[in-house]
Structure formats: structure tokens, C-alpha cells
Amino acid sequence: QDLLVTLSTLLRGSIYEKLRWTFKLYDINGDGCITRSELGEIVVAIHELMGRKPHQVEEDRKAREQVDRVFNKLDLNQDGVITIEEFIESCLKVPYHFSTLSGRNLQLSTPI
């Protein structure tokens, strides 16, 4: 049933439903905020899915730069966490944010 709800949301949901779903995916501990650490875990997982090897100096540097760049764009009030409101507002400003963050374009290397 969860799979069907997810597929329905991703295929037929409004942009707000898709953004809320994506936010929940990134909010690993479910506390209502995305931390730099959580975003880092997502970036590393995406890199691994793309075949990049973890714990290599250059790859780790690139991942940290991506996390910093994305986090700074999404953390609108610069308080160290990304709330659902900041996430939605940021993604709606530039539609590419959402396509990148939702996995339609798994490369976070493109500037947000």
C-alpha cells in the first residue's frame, strides 16, 4: 500500500505533494528539518548509486562542496537546518531545484 501511495504521489500528485514527499525522504530522522549531515548522507548515497567510490579524497571533497552549495541555497534563514517551508519555497523559486532533489536528475553537481 505504501508503494502505491508513493507512486501515486510521484506520478499524479501536485508539485506541493511531490515536494513534501521529497522533503520527508531527505529528512532521514523524521524531525521535520533537514540537517547538513542528512543532506550529506543523501549526496553520498547518490554518488554511490552513480558508481563513485566513497572515501576517496577528491570524491569526498566534491560531495562536501555539493552539500555546502545546496544547503546554503535551501537554508533561507541560515539557521543551520532546512525546514519544509524553506525547502518548498526554494524549490518553487527555481523549478530545477526540485527536479534535481527529487531524483529526476540525480546529479547534484549542477549549481542550484
PDB file of N, CA and C in Angstrom:
ATOM      1  N   GLN A   1       0.825  -1.184   0.000  1.00  0.00           N
ATOM      2  CA  GLN A   1       0.000   0.000   0.000  1.00  0.00           C
ATOM      3  C   GLN A   1       0.877   1.259   0.000  1.00  0.00           C
ATOM      4  N   ASP A   2       1.973   1.262   0.791  1.00  0.00           N
ATOM      5  CA  ASP A   2       2.870   2.421   0.815  1.00  0.00           C
ATOM      6  C   ASP A   2       3.457   2.686  -0.565  1.00  0.00           C
ATOM      7  N   LEU A   3       3.813   1.624  -1.258  1.00  0.00           N
ATOM      8  CA  LEU A   3       4.368   1.779  -2.601  1.00  0.00           C
ATOM      9  C   LEU A   3       3.355   2.435  -3.538  1.00  0.00           C
ATOM     10  N   LEU A   4       2.101   2.020  -3.452  1.00  0.00           N
ATOM     11  CA  LEU A   4       1.073   2.599  -4.316  1.00  0.00           C
ATOM     12  C   LEU A   4       0.835   4.069  -4.000  1.00  0.00           C
ATOM     13  N   VAL A   5       0.840   4.425  -2.731  1.00  0.00           N
ATOM     14  CA  VAL A   5       0.670   5.825  -2.339  1.00  0.00           C
ATOM     15  C   VAL A   5       1.837   6.654  -2.865  1.00  0.00           C
ATOM     16  N   THR A   6       3.041   6.119  -2.713  1.00  0.00           N
ATOM     17  CA  THR A   6       4.231   6.825  -3.196  1.00  0.00           C
ATOM     18  C   THR A   6       4.177   7.015  -4.703  1.00  0.00           C
ATOM     19  N   LEU A   7       3.874   5.948  -5.427  1.00  0.00           N
ATOM     20  CA  LEU A   7       3.799   6.052  -6.888  1.00  0.00           C
ATOM     21  C   LEU A   7       2.717   7.034  -7.318  1.00  0.00           C
ATOM     22  N   SER A   8       1.583   6.992  -6.648  1.00  0.00           N
ATOM     23  CA  SER A   8       0.502   7.914  -6.968  1.00  0.00           C
ATOM     24  C   SER A   8       0.936   9.358  -6.729  1.00  0.00           C
ATOM     25  N   THR A   9       1.613   9.598  -5.608  1.00  0.00           N
ATOM     26  CA  THR A   9       2.087  10.946  -5.294  1.00  0.00           C
ATOM     27  C   THR A   9       3.079  11.425  -6.339  1.00  0.00           C
ATOM     28  N   LEU A  10       4.027  10.576  -6.680  1.00  0.00           N
ATOM     29  CA  LEU A  10       5.071  10.980  -7.619  1.00  0.00           C
ATOM     30  C   LEU A  10       4.555  11.136  -9.043  1.00  0.00           C
ATOM     31  N   LEU A  11       3.580  10.330  -9.412  1.00  0.00           N
ATOM     32  CA  LEU A  11       3.083  10.385 -10.784  1.00  0.00           C
ATOM     33  C   LEU A  11       1.931  11.365 -10.969  1.00  0.00           C
ATOM     34  N   ARG A  12       1.086  11.493  -9.959  1.00  0.00           N
ATOM     35  CA  ARG A  12      -0.129  12.288 -10.139  1.00  0.00           C
ATOM     36  C   ARG A  12      -0.283  13.422  -9.142  1.00  0.00           C
ATOM     37  N   GLY A  13       0.588  13.474  -8.159  1.00  0.00           N
ATOM     38  CA  GLY A  13       0.440  14.483  -7.121  1.00  0.00           C
ATOM     39  C   GLY A  13       0.777  15.879  -7.604  1.00  0.00           C
ATOM     40  N   SER A  14       0.298  16.845  -6.845  1.00  0.00           N
ATOM     41  CA  SER A  14       0.633  18.237  -7.142  1.00  0.00           C
ATOM     42  C   SER A  14       2.106  18.474  -6.840  1.00  0.00           C
ATOM     43  N   ILE A  15       2.617  19.591  -7.282  1.00  0.00           N
ATOM     44  CA  ILE A  15       4.012  19.928  -7.010  1.00  0.00           C
ATOM     45  C   ILE A  15       4.257  19.979  -5.509  1.00  0.00           C
ATOM     46  N   TYR A  16       3.264  20.461  -4.747  1.00  0.00           N
ATOM     47  CA  TYR A  16       3.415  20.543  -3.288  1.00  0.00           C
ATOM     48  C   TYR A  16       3.493  19.155  -2.661  1.00  0.00           C
ATOM     49  N   GLU A  17       2.676  18.231  -3.147  1.00  0.00           N
ATOM     50  CA  GLU A  17       2.724  16.853  -2.633  1.00  0.00           C
ATOM     51  C   GLU A  17       4.061  16.200  -2.959  1.00  0.00           C
ATOM     52  N   LYS A  18       4.563  16.440  -4.150  1.00  0.00           N
ATOM     53  CA  LYS A  18       5.862  15.883  -4.548  1.00  0.00           C
ATOM     54  C   LYS A  18       6.986  16.476  -3.711  1.00  0.00           C
ATOM     55  N   LEU A  19       6.919  17.773  -3.468  1.00  0.00           N
ATOM     56  CA  LEU A  19       7.951  18.417  -2.650  1.00  0.00           C
ATOM     57  C   LEU A  19       7.905  17.915  -1.212  1.00  0.00           C
ATOM     58  N   ARG A  20       6.697  17.757  -0.652  1.00  0.00           N
ATOM     59  CA  ARG A  20       6.584  17.227   0.715  1.00  0.00           C
ATOM     60  C   ARG A  20       7.136  15.808   0.786  1.00  0.00           C
ATOM     61  N   TRP A  21       6.849  14.992  -0.233  1.00  0.00           N
ATOM     62  CA  TRP A  21       7.357  13.624  -0.260  1.00  0.00           C
ATOM     63  C   TRP A  21       8.888  13.626  -0.312  1.00  0.00           C
ATOM     64  N   THR A  22       9.435  14.473  -1.176  1.00  0.00           N
ATOM     65  CA  THR A  22      10.890  14.558  -1.308  1.00  0.00           C
ATOM     66  C   THR A  22      11.522  15.038  -0.008  1.00  0.00           C
ATOM     67  N   PHE A  23      10.909  16.031   0.631  1.00  0.00           N
ATOM     68  CA  PHE A  23      11.427  16.529   1.905  1.00  0.00           C
ATOM     69  C   PHE A  23      11.469  15.414   2.939  1.00  0.00           C
ATOM     70  N   LYS A  24      10.400  14.645   3.031  1.00  0.00           N
ATOM     71  CA  LYS A  24      10.359  13.543   4.004  1.00  0.00           C
ATOM     72  C   LYS A  24      11.445  12.507   3.712  1.00  0.00           C
ATOM     73  N   LEU A  25      11.723  12.282   2.449  1.00  0.00           N
ATOM     74  CA  LEU A  25      12.796  11.350   2.073  1.00  0.00           C
ATOM     75  C   LEU A  25      14.147  11.856   2.570  1.00  0.00           C
ATOM     76  N   TYR A  26      14.385  13.148   2.438  1.00  0.00           N
ATOM     77  CA  TYR A  26      15.653  13.746   2.846  1.00  0.00           C
ATOM     78  C   TYR A  26      15.756  13.941   4.350  1.00  0.00           C
ATOM     79  N   ASP A  27      14.624  14.071   5.033  1.00  0.00           N
ATOM     80  CA  ASP A  27      14.602  14.228   6.487  1.00  0.00           C
ATOM     81  C   ASP A  27      14.727  12.842   7.107  1.00  0.00           C
ATOM     82  N   ILE A  28      15.935  12.347   7.128  1.00  0.00           N
ATOM     83  CA  ILE A  28      16.200  10.960   7.484  1.00  0.00           C
ATOM     84  C   ILE A  28      15.676  10.589   8.865  1.00  0.00           C
ATOM     85  N   ASN A  29      15.860  11.460   9.848  1.00  0.00           N
ATOM     86  CA  ASN A  29      15.431  11.110  11.208  1.00  0.00           C
ATOM     87  C   ASN A  29      13.993  11.523  11.506  1.00  0.00           C
ATOM     88  N   GLY A  30      13.324  12.151  10.555  1.00  0.00           N
ATOM     89  CA  GLY A  30      11.917  12.480  10.703  1.00  0.00           C
ATOM     90  C   GLY A  30      11.599  13.582  11.699  1.00  0.00           C
ATOM     91  N   ASP A  31      12.566  14.451  11.987  1.00  0.00           N
ATOM     92  CA  ASP A  31      12.333  15.501  12.981  1.00  0.00           C
ATOM     93  C   ASP A  31      11.748  16.791  12.389  1.00  0.00           C
ATOM     94  N   GLY A  32      11.476  16.793  11.092  1.00  0.00           N
ATOM     95  CA  GLY A  32      10.874  17.967  10.470  1.00  0.00           C
ATOM     96  C   GLY A  32      11.865  18.958   9.904  1.00  0.00           C
ATOM     97  N   CYS A  33      13.155  18.647   9.982  1.00  0.00           N
ATOM     98  CA  CYS A  33      14.208  19.512   9.443  1.00  0.00           C
ATOM     99  C   CYS A  33      15.247  18.653   8.742  1.00  0.00           C
ATOM    100  N   ILE A  34      15.831  19.211   7.706  1.00  0.00           N
ATOM    101  CA  ILE A  34      16.955  18.549   7.041  1.00  0.00           C
ATOM    102  C   ILE A  34      18.219  19.230   7.527  1.00  0.00           C
ATOM    103  N   THR A  35      19.126  18.443   8.090  1.00  0.00           N
ATOM    104  CA  THR A  35      20.400  18.973   8.556  1.00  0.00           C
ATOM    105  C   THR A  35      21.446  18.806   7.462  1.00  0.00           C
ATOM    106  N   ARG A  36      22.551  19.488   7.628  1.00  0.00           N
ATOM    107  CA  ARG A  36      23.672  19.350   6.700  1.00  0.00           C
ATOM    108  C   ARG A  36      24.131  17.888   6.652  1.00  0.00           C
ATOM    109  N   SER A  37      24.116  17.231   7.799  1.00  0.00           N
ATOM    110  CA  SER A  37      24.517  15.828   7.873  1.00  0.00           C
ATOM    111  C   SER A  37      23.573  14.933   7.062  1.00  0.00           C
ATOM    112  N   GLU A  38      22.279  15.158   7.199  1.00  0.00           N
ATOM    113  CA  GLU A  38      21.311  14.365   6.440  1.00  0.00           C
ATOM    114  C   GLU A  38      21.480  14.594   4.945  1.00  0.00           C
ATOM    115  N   LEU A  39      21.651  15.832   4.553  1.00  0.00           N
ATOM    116  CA  LEU A  39      21.866  16.129   3.143  1.00  0.00           C
ATOM    117  C   LEU A  39      23.149  15.465   2.656  1.00  0.00           C
ATOM    118  N   GLY A  40      24.178  15.459   3.511  1.00  0.00           N
ATOM    119  CA  GLY A  40      25.430  14.791   3.169  1.00  0.00           C
ATOM    120  C   GLY A  40      25.239  13.311   2.922  1.00  0.00           C
ATOM    121  N   GLU A  41      24.425  12.666   3.755  1.00  0.00           N
ATOM    122  CA  GLU A  41      24.156  11.235   3.574  1.00  0.00           C
ATOM    123  C   GLU A  41      23.472  10.973   2.239  1.00  0.00           C
ATOM    124  N   ILE A  42      22.557  11.852   1.870  1.00  0.00           N
ATOM    125  CA  ILE A  42      21.850  11.704   0.593  1.00  0.00           C
ATOM    126  C   ILE A  42      22.818  11.864  -0.572  1.00  0.00           C
ATOM    127  N   VAL A  43      23.662  12.881  -0.515  1.00  0.00           N
ATOM    128  CA  VAL A  43      24.621  13.130  -1.596  1.00  0.00           C
ATOM    129  C   VAL A  43      25.568  11.932  -1.746  1.00  0.00           C
ATOM    130  N   VAL A  44      26.073  11.415  -0.638  1.00  0.00           N
ATOM    131  CA  VAL A  44      26.966  10.252  -0.699  1.00  0.00           C
ATOM    132  C   VAL A  44      26.241   9.051  -1.299  1.00  0.00           C
ATOM    133  N   ALA A  45      24.989   8.834  -0.896  1.00  0.00           N
ATOM    134  CA  ALA A  45      24.219   7.709  -1.433  1.00  0.00           C
ATOM    135  C   ALA A  45      24.014   7.859  -2.935  1.00  0.00           C
ATOM    136  N   ILE A  46      23.730   9.079  -3.384  1.00  0.00           N
ATOM    137  CA  ILE A  46      23.550   9.318  -4.817  1.00  0.00           C
ATOM    138  C   ILE A  46      24.859   9.064  -5.560  1.00  0.00           C
ATOM    139  N   HIS A  47      25.964   9.536  -4.993  1.00  0.00           N
ATOM    140  CA  HIS A  47      27.265   9.287  -5.618  1.00  0.00           C
ATOM    141  C   HIS A  47      27.537   7.792  -5.735  1.00  0.00           C
ATOM    142  N   GLU A  48      27.223   7.051  -4.686  1.00  0.00           N
ATOM    143  CA  GLU A  48      27.448   5.608  -4.722  1.00  0.00           C
ATOM    144  C   GLU A  48      26.563   4.936  -5.768  1.00  0.00           C
ATOM    145  N   LEU A  49      25.307   5.391  -5.889  1.00  0.00           N
ATOM    146  CA  LEU A  49      24.416   4.846  -6.913  1.00  0.00           C
ATOM    147  C   LEU A  49      24.950   5.112  -8.318  1.00  0.00           C
ATOM    148  N   MET A  50      25.662   6.213  -8.463  1.00  0.00           N
ATOM    149  CA  MET A  50      26.230   6.577  -9.759  1.00  0.00           C
ATOM    150  C   MET A  50      27.568   5.882 -10.002  1.00  0.00           C
ATOM    151  N   GLY A  51      27.992   5.048  -9.059  1.00  0.00           N
ATOM    152  CA  GLY A  51      29.210   4.285  -9.246  1.00  0.00           C
ATOM    153  C   GLY A  51      30.468   4.932  -8.714  1.00  0.00           C
ATOM    154  N   ARG A  52      30.343   6.052  -8.034  1.00  0.00           N
ATOM    155  CA  ARG A  52      31.519   6.695  -7.465  1.00  0.00           C
ATOM    156  C   ARG A  52      31.885   5.996  -6.168  1.00  0.00           C
ATOM    157  N   LYS A  53      33.143   5.851  -5.957  1.00  0.00           N
ATOM    158  CA  LYS A  53      33.612   5.156  -4.760  1.00  0.00           C
ATOM    159  C   LYS A  53      33.688   6.116  -3.579  1.00  0.00           C
ATOM    160  N   PRO A  54      33.129   5.685  -2.436  1.00  0.00           N
ATOM    161  CA  PRO A  54      33.188   6.545  -1.240  1.00  0.00           C
ATOM    162  C   PRO A  54      34.588   6.565  -0.640  1.00  0.00           C
ATOM    163  N   HIS A  55      34.835   7.567   0.146  1.00  0.00           N
ATOM    164  CA  HIS A  55      36.061   7.708   0.933  1.00  0.00           C
ATOM    165  C   HIS A  55      37.313   7.872   0.076  1.00  0.00           C
ATOM    166  N   GLN A  56      37.148   8.512  -1.058  1.00  0.00           N
ATOM    167  CA  GLN A  56      38.295   8.923  -1.852  1.00  0.00           C
ATOM    168  C   GLN A  56      38.389  10.430  -1.703  1.00  0.00           C
ATOM    169  N   VAL A  57      39.583  10.926  -1.511  1.00  0.00           N
ATOM    170  CA  VAL A  57      39.784  12.323  -1.150  1.00  0.00           C
ATOM    171  C   VAL A  57      39.063  13.275  -2.110  1.00  0.00           C
ATOM    172  N   GLU A  58      39.263  13.114  -3.389  1.00  0.00           N
ATOM    173  CA  GLU A  58      38.662  14.026  -4.370  1.00  0.00           C
ATOM    174  C   GLU A  58      37.141  13.895  -4.385  1.00  0.00           C
ATOM    175  N   GLU A  59      36.631  12.672  -4.336  1.00  0.00           N
ATOM    176  CA  GLU A  59      35.185  12.459  -4.327  1.00  0.00           C
ATOM    177  C   GLU A  59      34.558  13.036  -3.057  1.00  0.00           C
ATOM    178  N   ASP A  60      35.213  12.852  -1.924  1.00  0.00           N
ATOM    179  CA  ASP A  60      34.710  13.400  -0.664  1.00  0.00           C
ATOM    180  C   ASP A  60      34.689  14.929  -0.707  1.00  0.00           C
ATOM    181  N   ARG A  61      35.700  15.525  -1.298  1.00  0.00           N
ATOM    182  CA  ARG A  61      35.747  16.983  -1.418  1.00  0.00           C
ATOM    183  C   ARG A  61      34.595  17.478  -2.279  1.00  0.00           C
ATOM    184  N   LYS A  62      34.370  16.820  -3.421  1.00  0.00           N
ATOM    185  CA  LYS A  62      33.279  17.209  -4.308  1.00  0.00           C
ATOM    186  C   LYS A  62      31.924  17.078  -3.605  1.00  0.00           C
ATOM    187  N   ALA A  63      31.760  16.002  -2.865  1.00  0.00           N
ATOM    188  CA  ALA A  63      30.498  15.788  -2.146  1.00  0.00           C
ATOM    189  C   ALA A  63      30.276  16.882  -1.112  1.00  0.00           C
ATOM    190  N   ARG A  64      31.315  17.241  -0.367  1.00  0.00           N
ATOM    191  CA  ARG A  64      31.190  18.313   0.639  1.00  0.00           C
ATOM    192  C   ARG A  64      30.841  19.640  -0.019  1.00  0.00           C
ATOM    193  N   GLU A  65      31.466  19.917  -1.161  1.00  0.00           N
ATOM    194  CA  GLU A  65      31.165  21.158  -1.882  1.00  0.00           C
ATOM    195  C   GLU A  65      29.716  21.179  -2.349  1.00  0.00           C
ATOM    196  N   GLN A  66      29.227  20.049  -2.845  1.00  0.00           N
ATOM    197  CA  GLN A  66      27.840  19.969  -3.284  1.00  0.00           C
ATOM    198  C   GLN A  66      26.887  20.186  -2.110  1.00  0.00           C
ATOM    199  N   VAL A  67      27.174  19.529  -0.995  1.00  0.00           N
ATOM    200  CA  VAL A  67      26.338  19.681   0.188  1.00  0.00           C
ATOM    201  C   VAL A  67      26.318  21.139   0.620  1.00  0.00           C
ATOM    202  N   ASP A  68      27.476  21.756   0.694  1.00  0.00           N
ATOM    203  CA  ASP A  68      27.551  23.161   1.118  1.00  0.00           C
ATOM    204  C   ASP A  68      26.765  24.064   0.175  1.00  0.00           C
ATOM    205  N   ARG A  69      26.931  23.864  -1.110  1.00  0.00           N
ATOM    206  CA  ARG A  69      26.260  24.711  -2.103  1.00  0.00           C
ATOM    207  C   ARG A  69      24.741  24.551  -2.006  1.00  0.00           C
ATOM    208  N   VAL A  70      24.274  23.319  -1.988  1.00  0.00           N
ATOM    209  CA  VAL A  70      22.838  23.069  -1.935  1.00  0.00           C
ATOM    210  C   VAL A  70      22.266  23.534  -0.600  1.00  0.00           C
ATOM    211  N   PHE A  71      22.950  23.210   0.495  1.00  0.00           N
ATOM    212  CA  PHE A  71      22.441  23.576   1.815  1.00  0.00           C
ATOM    213  C   PHE A  71      22.320  25.087   1.951  1.00  0.00           C
ATOM    214  N   ASN A  72      23.316  25.804   1.494  1.00  0.00           N
ATOM    215  CA  ASN A  72      23.282  27.264   1.600  1.00  0.00           C
ATOM    216  C   ASN A  72      22.154  27.876   0.778  1.00  0.00           C
ATOM    217  N   LYS A  73      21.811  27.259  -0.341  1.00  0.00           N
ATOM    218  CA  LYS A  73      20.699  27.755  -1.159  1.00  0.00           C
ATOM    219  C   LYS A  73      19.345  27.461  -0.518  1.00  0.00           C
ATOM    220  N   LEU A  74      19.221  26.316   0.152  1.00  0.00           N
ATOM    221  CA  LEU A  74      17.929  25.908   0.704  1.00  0.00           C
ATOM    222  C   LEU A  74      17.678  26.434   2.113  1.00  0.00           C
ATOM    223  N   ASP A  75      18.723  26.665   2.875  1.00  0.00           N
ATOM    224  CA  ASP A  75      18.576  27.171   4.247  1.00  0.00           C
ATOM    225  C   ASP A  75      18.427  28.689   4.178  1.00  0.00           C
ATOM    226  N   LEU A  76      17.230  29.129   3.875  1.00  0.00           N
ATOM    227  CA  LEU A  76      16.987  30.540   3.575  1.00  0.00           C
ATOM    228  C   LEU A  76      17.339  31.488   4.709  1.00  0.00           C
ATOM    229  N   ASN A  77      17.064  31.094   5.953  1.00  0.00           N
ATOM    230  CA  ASN A  77      17.370  31.983   7.080  1.00  0.00           C
ATOM    231  C   ASN A  77      18.720  31.671   7.718  1.00  0.00           C
ATOM    232  N   GLN A  78      19.459  30.740   7.113  1.00  0.00           N
ATOM    233  CA  GLN A  78      20.826  30.398   7.549  1.00  0.00           C
ATOM    234  C   GLN A  78      20.900  30.029   9.038  1.00  0.00           C
ATOM    235  N   ASP A  79      19.898  29.254   9.515  1.00  0.00           N
ATOM    236  CA  ASP A  79      19.901  28.827  10.919  1.00  0.00           C
ATOM    237  C   ASP A  79      20.471  27.431  11.114  1.00  0.00           C
ATOM    238  N   GLY A  80      20.961  26.821  10.047  1.00  0.00           N
ATOM    239  CA  GLY A  80      21.611  25.521  10.161  1.00  0.00           C
ATOM    240  C   GLY A  80      20.714  24.326   9.898  1.00  0.00           C
ATOM    241  N   VAL A  81      19.443  24.557   9.602  1.00  0.00           N
ATOM    242  CA  VAL A  81      18.527  23.477   9.230  1.00  0.00           C
ATOM    243  C   VAL A  81      17.617  23.970   8.109  1.00  0.00           C
ATOM    244  N   ILE A  82      17.116  23.029   7.330  1.00  0.00           N
ATOM    245  CA  ILE A  82      16.183  23.352   6.256  1.00  0.00           C
ATOM    246  C   ILE A  82      14.807  22.860   6.691  1.00  0.00           C
ATOM    247  N   THR A  83      13.869  23.781   6.815  1.00  0.00           N
ATOM    248  CA  THR A  83      12.508  23.410   7.175  1.00  0.00           C
ATOM    249  C   THR A  83      11.719  23.077   5.914  1.00  0.00           C
ATOM    250  N   ILE A  84      10.565  22.473   6.096  1.00  0.00           N
ATOM    251  CA  ILE A  84       9.714  22.159   4.951  1.00  0.00           C
ATOM    252  C   ILE A  84       9.331  23.432   4.200  1.00  0.00           C
ATOM    253  N   GLU A  85       9.089  24.507   4.940  1.00  0.00           N
ATOM    254  CA  GLU A  85       8.728  25.778   4.301  1.00  0.00           C
ATOM    255  C   GLU A  85       9.875  26.314   3.445  1.00  0.00           C
ATOM    256  N   GLU A  86      11.097  26.272   3.985  1.00  0.00           N
ATOM    257  CA  GLU A  86      12.261  26.737   3.219  1.00  0.00           C
ATOM    258  C   GLU A  86      12.472  25.860   1.993  1.00  0.00           C
ATOM    259  N   PHE A  87      12.312  24.560   2.172  1.00  0.00           N
ATOM    260  CA  PHE A  87      12.512  23.613   1.091  1.00  0.00           C
ATOM    261  C   PHE A  87      11.539  23.898  -0.053  1.00  0.00           C
ATOM    262  N   ILE A  88      10.262  24.019   0.286  1.00  0.00           N
ATOM    263  CA  ILE A  88       9.251  24.266  -0.744  1.00  0.00           C
ATOM    264  C   ILE A  88       9.484  25.615  -1.408  1.00  0.00           C
ATOM    265  N   GLU A  89       9.713  26.657  -0.610  1.00  0.00           N
ATOM    266  CA  GLU A  89       9.936  27.989  -1.168  1.00  0.00           C
ATOM    267  C   GLU A  89      11.130  27.992  -2.121  1.00  0.00           C
ATOM    268  N   SER A  90      12.215  27.379  -1.711  1.00  0.00           N
ATOM    269  CA  SER A  90      13.418  27.351  -2.554  1.00  0.00           C
ATOM    270  C   SER A  90      13.174  26.583  -3.841  1.00  0.00           C
ATOM    271  N   CYS A  91      12.534  25.446  -3.733  1.00  0.00           N
ATOM    272  CA  CYS A  91      12.302  24.618  -4.916  1.00  0.00           C
ATOM    273  C   CYS A  91      11.326  25.260  -5.883  1.00  0.00           C
ATOM    274  N   LEU A  92      10.362  25.996  -5.365  1.00  0.00           N
ATOM    275  CA  LEU A  92       9.399  26.655  -6.247  1.00  0.00           C
ATOM    276  C   LEU A  92      10.001  27.854  -6.956  1.00  0.00           C
ATOM    277  N   LYS A  93      11.013  28.472  -6.354  1.00  0.00           N
ATOM    278  CA  LYS A  93      11.661  29.624  -6.989  1.00  0.00           C
ATOM    279  C   LYS A  93      12.334  29.232  -8.287  1.00  0.00           C
ATOM    280  N   VAL A  94      12.987  28.106  -8.274  1.00  0.00           N
ATOM    281  CA  VAL A  94      13.705  27.615  -9.455  1.00  0.00           C
ATOM    282  C   VAL A  94      13.293  26.163  -9.656  1.00  0.00           C
ATOM    283  N   PRO A  95      12.439  25.881 -10.626  1.00  0.00           N
ATOM    284  CA  PRO A  95      11.936  24.521 -10.810  1.00  0.00           C
ATOM    285  C   PRO A  95      13.033  23.463 -10.926  1.00  0.00           C
ATOM    286  N   TYR A  96      14.222  23.860 -11.375  1.00  0.00           N
ATOM    287  CA  TYR A  96      15.303  22.878 -11.497  1.00  0.00           C
ATOM    288  C   TYR A  96      15.692  22.302 -10.136  1.00  0.00           C
ATOM    289  N   HIS A  97      15.547  23.090  -9.078  1.00  0.00           N
ATOM    290  CA  HIS A  97      15.846  22.582  -7.734  1.00  0.00           C
ATOM    291  C   HIS A  97      15.114  21.273  -7.507  1.00  0.00           C
ATOM    292  N   PHE A  98      13.819  21.309  -7.780  1.00  0.00           N
ATOM    293  CA  PHE A  98      13.003  20.146  -7.475  1.00  0.00           C
ATOM    294  C   PHE A  98      13.371  18.961  -8.339  1.00  0.00           C
ATOM    295  N   SER A  99      13.597  19.167  -9.625  1.00  0.00           N
ATOM    296  CA  SER A  99      13.943  18.034 -10.474  1.00  0.00           C
ATOM    297  C   SER A  99      15.253  17.413 -10.022  1.00  0.00           C
ATOM    298  N   THR A 100      16.166  18.227  -9.544  1.00  0.00           N
ATOM    299  CA  THR A 100      17.431  17.721  -9.036  1.00  0.00           C
ATOM    300  C   THR A 100      17.218  16.961  -7.744  1.00  0.00           C
ATOM    301  N   LEU A 101      16.485  17.544  -6.824  1.00  0.00           N
ATOM    302  CA  LEU A 101      16.331  16.966  -5.497  1.00  0.00           C
ATOM    303  C   LEU A 101      15.399  15.772  -5.479  1.00  0.00           C
ATOM    304  N   SER A 102      14.500  15.668  -6.432  1.00  0.00           N
ATOM    305  CA  SER A 102      13.554  14.563  -6.428  1.00  0.00           C
ATOM    306  C   SER A 102      14.115  13.327  -7.106  1.00  0.00           C
ATOM    307  N   GLY A 103      15.283  13.452  -7.704  1.00  0.00           N
ATOM    308  CA  GLY A 103      15.894  12.288  -8.315  1.00  0.00           C
ATOM    309  C   GLY A 103      15.673  12.195  -9.814  1.00  0.00           C
ATOM    310  N   ARG A 104      14.929  13.125 -10.389  1.00  0.00           N
ATOM    311  CA  ARG A 104      14.763  13.096 -11.839  1.00  0.00           C
ATOM    312  C   ARG A 104      16.088  13.402 -12.520  1.00  0.00           C
ATOM    313  N   ASN A 105      16.936  14.142 -11.852  1.00  0.00           N
ATOM    314  CA  ASN A 105      18.291  14.368 -12.309  1.00  0.00           C
ATOM    315  C   ASN A 105      19.162  14.129 -11.085  1.00  0.00           C
ATOM    316  N   LEU A 106      19.762  12.986 -10.991  1.00  0.00           N
ATOM    317  CA  LEU A 106      20.458  12.600  -9.771  1.00  0.00           C
ATOM    318  C   LEU A 106      21.782  13.315  -9.573  1.00  0.00           C
ATOM    319  N   GLN A 107      22.222  14.096 -10.531  1.00  0.00           N
ATOM    320  CA  GLN A 107      23.497  14.770 -10.371  1.00  0.00           C
ATOM    321  C   GLN A 107      23.286  16.093  -9.652  1.00  0.00           C
ATOM    322  N   LEU A 108      23.754  16.157  -8.418  1.00  0.00           N
ATOM    323  CA  LEU A 108      23.673  17.398  -7.654  1.00  0.00           C
ATOM    324  C   LEU A 108      24.859  18.292  -7.966  1.00  0.00           C
ATOM    325  N   SER A 109      25.618  17.953  -8.972  1.00  0.00           N
ATOM    326  CA  SER A 109      26.798  18.751  -9.271  1.00  0.00           C
ATOM    327  C   SER A 109      26.425  20.038 -10.003  1.00  0.00           C
ATOM    328  N   THR A 110      25.226  20.114 -10.563  1.00  0.00           N
ATOM    329  CA  THR A 110      24.801  21.319 -11.237  1.00  0.00           C
ATOM    330  C   THR A 110      24.447  22.367 -10.199  1.00  0.00           C
ATOM    331  N   PRO A 111      24.946  23.583 -10.335  1.00  0.00           N
ATOM    332  CA  PRO A 111      24.655  24.623  -9.330  1.00  0.00           C
ATOM    333  C   PRO A 111      23.159  24.843  -9.161  1.00  0.00           C
ATOM    334  N   ILE A 112      22.749  24.939  -7.929  1.00  0.00           N
ATOM    335  CA  ILE A 112      21.341  25.211  -7.634  1.00  0.00           C
ATOM    336  C   ILE A 112      21.213  26.689  -7.363  1.00  0.00           C
TER     337      ILE A 112
END
